[in-house]
Amino acid sequence: MEVESCDLFVYGNKPKTEKTFVHCQASWSSKLCKQ
């Protein structure tokens, strides 16, 4: 899982790739990654 990458995105850092961004959106939907 890329929860770390998602956390970095949430804290204001840009995702390394669109794939990471999509993963983050999915994580938010699953409440694995809080905005």
Protein backbone atom coordinates (compact mmCIF):
# COMPACT_ATOMS: atom_id res chain seq x y z
CA MET A 1 0.00 0.00 0.00
CA GLU A 2 1.12 3.57 -0.64
CA VAL A 3 -0.37 5.19 2.42
CA GLU A 4 2.86 7.14 2.96
CA SER A 5 2.64 8.66 -0.51
CA CYS A 6 -0.98 9.48 0.19
CA ASP A 7 -0.08 11.13 3.51
CA LEU A 8 2.55 13.21 1.73
CA PHE A 9 -0.08 14.32 -0.77
CA VAL A 10 -2.53 15.18 2.02
CA TYR A 11 0.13 17.28 3.75
CA GLY A 12 0.47 19.45 0.66
CA ASN A 13 3.14 17.67 -1.40
CA LYS A 14 2.43 16.89 -5.02
CA PRO A 15 1.95 13.22 -5.89
CA LYS A 16 4.90 11.69 -7.75
CA THR A 17 2.60 10.31 -10.43
CA GLU A 18 -1.04 10.39 -11.44
CA LYS A 19 -1.23 6.77 -10.30
CA THR A 20 -0.36 7.90 -6.78
CA PHE A 21 -3.03 10.61 -6.97
CA VAL A 22 -5.64 8.08 -8.08
CA HIS A 23 -4.54 5.78 -5.26
CA CYS A 24 -4.97 8.64 -2.82
CA GLN A 25 -8.47 9.35 -4.07
CA ALA A 26 -9.33 5.67 -3.60
CA SER A 27 -7.78 5.75 -0.13
CA TRP A 28 -9.81 8.79 0.84
CA SER A 29 -12.93 7.02 -0.36
CA SER A 30 -11.97 4.03 1.77
CA LYS A 31 -11.08 6.31 4.69
CA LEU A 32 -7.56 4.81 4.74
CA CYS A 33 -6.15 8.27 4.14
CA LYS A 34 -7.74 11.23 5.91
CA GLN A 35 -7.74 14.59 4.15
